[in-house]
Amino acid sequence: MILPTKHTRPERALLGVGAEILEVLGRPMTVTALWDRMRERRAKSPIAYAWFVLALDLLYLIGAVEFRSGLLARTAP
């Protein structure tokens, strides 16, 4: 589920979805705007909103993103 396995392709694993989120999140934006961009990007292989939120949770837990003033942003490396 978090990592790819022989039954879960990398683009469906939470780590893969999280990597895509970080690519899209070039500047701070609302969760809604980020979701809209992810849906556009993954039009051919869509993911469920719940899976998107789980990937955001994972990114937050590992300290890769933060939520401030209503905007989601990447943390400084």
N, C-alpha and C. Protein backbone atom coordinates (compact mmCIF):
# COMPACT_ATOMS: atom_id res chain seq x y z
N MET A 1 0.82 -1.19 0.00
CA MET A 1 0.00 0.00 0.00
C MET A 1 0.86 1.26 0.00
N ILE A 2 1.80 1.36 0.93
CA ILE A 2 2.65 2.54 0.95
C ILE A 2 3.74 2.41 -0.09
N LEU A 3 4.37 1.26 -0.13
CA LEU A 3 5.42 1.00 -1.11
C LEU A 3 4.88 0.13 -2.23
N PRO A 4 5.49 0.24 -3.41
CA PRO A 4 5.06 -0.65 -4.50
C PRO A 4 5.38 -2.11 -4.16
N THR A 5 4.54 -2.99 -4.62
CA THR A 5 4.76 -4.43 -4.47
C THR A 5 4.51 -5.08 -5.82
N LYS A 6 4.54 -6.40 -5.86
CA LYS A 6 4.26 -7.04 -7.14
C LYS A 6 2.79 -6.91 -7.52
N HIS A 7 1.93 -6.55 -6.55
CA HIS A 7 0.51 -6.36 -6.82
C HIS A 7 0.11 -4.88 -6.89
N THR A 8 1.00 -3.99 -6.48
CA THR A 8 0.72 -2.55 -6.49
C THR A 8 1.78 -1.85 -7.34
N ARG A 9 1.34 -1.26 -8.44
CA ARG A 9 2.26 -0.55 -9.32
C ARG A 9 2.77 0.71 -8.62
N PRO A 10 3.97 1.19 -8.96
CA PRO A 10 4.54 2.38 -8.31
C PRO A 10 3.63 3.61 -8.39
N GLU A 11 2.94 3.79 -9.49
CA GLU A 11 2.09 4.97 -9.63
C GLU A 11 0.80 4.86 -8.82
N ARG A 12 0.52 3.69 -8.25
CA ARG A 12 -0.66 3.50 -7.40
C ARG A 12 -0.30 3.44 -5.91
N ALA A 13 0.97 3.20 -5.60
CA ALA A 13 1.40 3.16 -4.20
C ALA A 13 1.40 4.57 -3.62
N LEU A 14 1.17 4.68 -2.33
CA LEU A 14 1.11 6.00 -1.70
C LEU A 14 2.41 6.78 -1.88
N LEU A 15 3.53 6.11 -1.86
CA LEU A 15 4.80 6.79 -2.05
C LEU A 15 4.90 7.37 -3.46
N GLY A 16 4.43 6.65 -4.45
CA GLY A 16 4.42 7.15 -5.82
C GLY A 16 3.46 8.32 -6.00
N VAL A 17 2.28 8.22 -5.40
CA VAL A 17 1.31 9.32 -5.47
C VAL A 17 1.87 10.53 -4.75
N GLY A 18 2.52 10.31 -3.62
CA GLY A 18 3.15 11.40 -2.88
C GLY A 18 4.23 12.10 -3.69
N ALA A 19 5.01 11.33 -4.43
CA ALA A 19 6.04 11.92 -5.28
C ALA A 19 5.41 12.80 -6.36
N GLU A 20 4.31 12.35 -6.94
CA GLU A 20 3.60 13.16 -7.93
C GLU A 20 3.07 14.45 -7.31
N ILE A 21 2.56 14.34 -6.11
CA ILE A 21 2.04 15.52 -5.42
C ILE A 21 3.16 16.54 -5.23
N LEU A 22 4.33 16.08 -4.82
CA LEU A 22 5.45 16.99 -4.62
C LEU A 22 5.88 17.64 -5.93
N GLU A 23 5.78 16.92 -7.04
CA GLU A 23 6.10 17.50 -8.35
C GLU A 23 5.13 18.62 -8.70
N VAL A 24 3.85 18.40 -8.43
CA VAL A 24 2.81 19.37 -8.76
C VAL A 24 2.85 20.56 -7.81
N LEU A 25 3.27 20.34 -6.59
CA LEU A 25 3.25 21.37 -5.56
C LEU A 25 4.50 22.25 -5.64
N GLY A 26 4.63 22.99 -6.73
CA GLY A 26 5.78 23.87 -6.91
C GLY A 26 5.69 25.13 -6.08
N ARG A 27 4.48 25.56 -5.82
CA ARG A 27 4.24 26.75 -4.99
C ARG A 27 3.11 26.42 -4.04
N PRO A 28 2.99 27.16 -2.93
CA PRO A 28 1.89 26.88 -2.00
C PRO A 28 0.53 27.03 -2.68
N MET A 29 -0.38 26.11 -2.38
CA MET A 29 -1.73 26.17 -2.94
C MET A 29 -2.70 25.48 -2.01
N THR A 30 -3.97 25.70 -2.26
CA THR A 30 -5.00 25.06 -1.44
C THR A 30 -5.06 23.57 -1.80
N VAL A 31 -5.64 22.81 -0.90
CA VAL A 31 -5.80 21.38 -1.14
C VAL A 31 -6.70 21.16 -2.36
N THR A 32 -7.72 21.98 -2.50
CA THR A 32 -8.64 21.86 -3.64
C THR A 32 -7.92 22.11 -4.95
N ALA A 33 -7.08 23.14 -5.01
CA ALA A 33 -6.33 23.43 -6.24
C ALA A 33 -5.36 22.29 -6.55
N LEU A 34 -4.73 21.75 -5.52
CA LEU A 34 -3.81 20.63 -5.72
C LEU A 34 -4.56 19.40 -6.23
N TRP A 35 -5.73 19.12 -5.67
CA TRP A 35 -6.54 17.99 -6.11
C TRP A 35 -6.94 18.17 -7.58
N ASP A 36 -7.35 19.38 -7.96
CA ASP A 36 -7.72 19.64 -9.35
C ASP A 36 -6.55 19.40 -10.29
N ARG A 37 -5.36 19.84 -9.91
CA ARG A 37 -4.18 19.61 -10.75
C ARG A 37 -3.83 18.14 -10.84
N MET A 38 -3.97 17.42 -9.74
CA MET A 38 -3.68 15.99 -9.77
C MET A 38 -4.68 15.25 -10.65
N ARG A 39 -5.95 15.64 -10.60
CA ARG A 39 -6.96 15.00 -11.47
C ARG A 39 -6.65 15.25 -12.93
N GLU A 40 -6.21 16.47 -13.27
CA GLU A 40 -5.84 16.77 -14.66
C GLU A 40 -4.64 15.92 -15.08
N ARG A 41 -3.66 15.85 -14.20
CA ARG A 41 -2.43 15.12 -14.52
C ARG A 41 -2.68 13.62 -14.67
N ARG A 42 -3.58 13.08 -13.86
CA ARG A 42 -3.84 11.65 -13.87
C ARG A 42 -5.14 11.30 -14.56
N ALA A 43 -5.49 12.03 -15.59
CA ALA A 43 -6.76 11.80 -16.29
C ALA A 43 -6.85 10.37 -16.85
N LYS A 44 -5.72 9.82 -17.27
CA LYS A 44 -5.74 8.47 -17.86
C LYS A 44 -5.70 7.36 -16.82
N SER A 45 -5.16 7.65 -15.64
CA SER A 45 -5.19 6.64 -14.56
C SER A 45 -5.55 7.36 -13.25
N PRO A 46 -6.84 7.67 -13.10
CA PRO A 46 -7.28 8.45 -11.93
C PRO A 46 -7.11 7.71 -10.61
N ILE A 47 -7.00 8.50 -9.56
CA ILE A 47 -6.96 7.94 -8.20
C ILE A 47 -8.16 8.50 -7.44
N ALA A 48 -8.55 7.79 -6.42
CA ALA A 48 -9.66 8.24 -5.57
C ALA A 48 -9.19 9.37 -4.67
N TYR A 49 -10.13 10.23 -4.29
CA TYR A 49 -9.81 11.35 -3.40
C TYR A 49 -9.24 10.83 -2.07
N ALA A 50 -9.78 9.73 -1.58
CA ALA A 50 -9.30 9.16 -0.32
C ALA A 50 -7.82 8.76 -0.43
N TRP A 51 -7.42 8.24 -1.58
CA TRP A 51 -6.03 7.84 -1.80
C TRP A 51 -5.13 9.08 -1.84
N PHE A 52 -5.64 10.15 -2.46
CA PHE A 52 -4.94 11.43 -2.51
C PHE A 52 -4.71 11.96 -1.08
N VAL A 53 -5.75 11.91 -0.25
CA VAL A 53 -5.64 12.39 1.12
C VAL A 53 -4.67 11.52 1.93
N LEU A 54 -4.70 10.22 1.72
CA LEU A 54 -3.75 9.34 2.41
C LEU A 54 -2.31 9.68 2.02
N ALA A 55 -2.09 9.99 0.75
CA ALA A 55 -0.75 10.38 0.30
C ALA A 55 -0.34 11.70 0.95
N LEU A 56 -1.28 12.64 1.07
CA LEU A 56 -0.99 13.90 1.76
C LEU A 56 -0.64 13.64 3.23
N ASP A 57 -1.38 12.75 3.86
CA ASP A 57 -1.09 12.38 5.25
C ASP A 57 0.32 11.83 5.39
N LEU A 58 0.70 10.96 4.48
CA LEU A 58 2.04 10.38 4.51
C LEU A 58 3.09 11.47 4.35
N LEU A 59 2.89 12.38 3.40
CA LEU A 59 3.85 13.46 3.19
C LEU A 59 3.96 14.36 4.42
N TYR A 60 2.83 14.61 5.07
CA TYR A 60 2.85 15.42 6.28
C TYR A 60 3.59 14.70 7.42
N LEU A 61 3.34 13.41 7.55
CA LEU A 61 3.98 12.64 8.62
C LEU A 61 5.49 12.58 8.47
N ILE A 62 5.98 12.53 7.24
CA ILE A 62 7.43 12.46 7.04
C ILE A 62 8.06 13.86 6.95
N GLY A 63 7.23 14.90 7.08
CA GLY A 63 7.74 16.26 7.10
C GLY A 63 8.04 16.86 5.74
N ALA A 64 7.45 16.31 4.68
CA ALA A 64 7.70 16.80 3.33
C ALA A 64 6.79 17.98 2.96
N VAL A 65 5.63 18.09 3.62
CA VAL A 65 4.72 19.21 3.36
C VAL A 65 4.24 19.77 4.69
N GLU A 66 3.78 21.01 4.64
CA GLU A 66 3.18 21.62 5.81
C GLU A 66 1.96 22.43 5.39
N PHE A 67 1.08 22.66 6.34
CA PHE A 67 -0.15 23.38 6.07
C PHE A 67 -0.10 24.66 6.89
N ARG A 68 -0.05 25.81 6.21
CA ARG A 68 -0.02 27.08 6.92
C ARG A 68 -0.88 28.11 6.21
N SER A 69 -1.62 28.84 6.97
CA SER A 69 -2.50 29.91 6.45
C SER A 69 -3.43 29.40 5.36
N GLY A 70 -3.92 28.18 5.50
CA GLY A 70 -4.86 27.63 4.53
C GLY A 70 -4.24 27.12 3.25
N LEU A 71 -2.90 27.11 3.18
CA LEU A 71 -2.20 26.64 1.99
C LEU A 71 -1.28 25.47 2.32
N LEU A 72 -1.21 24.56 1.40
CA LEU A 72 -0.31 23.42 1.52
C LEU A 72 0.98 23.79 0.80
N ALA A 73 2.13 23.56 1.44
CA ALA A 73 3.41 23.93 0.85
C ALA A 73 4.45 22.85 1.14
N ARG A 74 5.42 22.75 0.24
CA ARG A 74 6.55 21.86 0.48
C ARG A 74 7.41 22.46 1.59
N THR A 75 8.00 21.62 2.40
CA THR A 75 8.91 22.13 3.42
C THR A 75 10.29 22.32 2.80
N ALA A 76 11.06 23.20 3.41
CA ALA A 76 12.42 23.44 2.91
C ALA A 76 13.27 22.22 3.20
N PRO A 77 14.12 21.83 2.25
CA PRO A 77 14.96 20.64 2.47
C PRO A 77 16.00 20.85 3.54
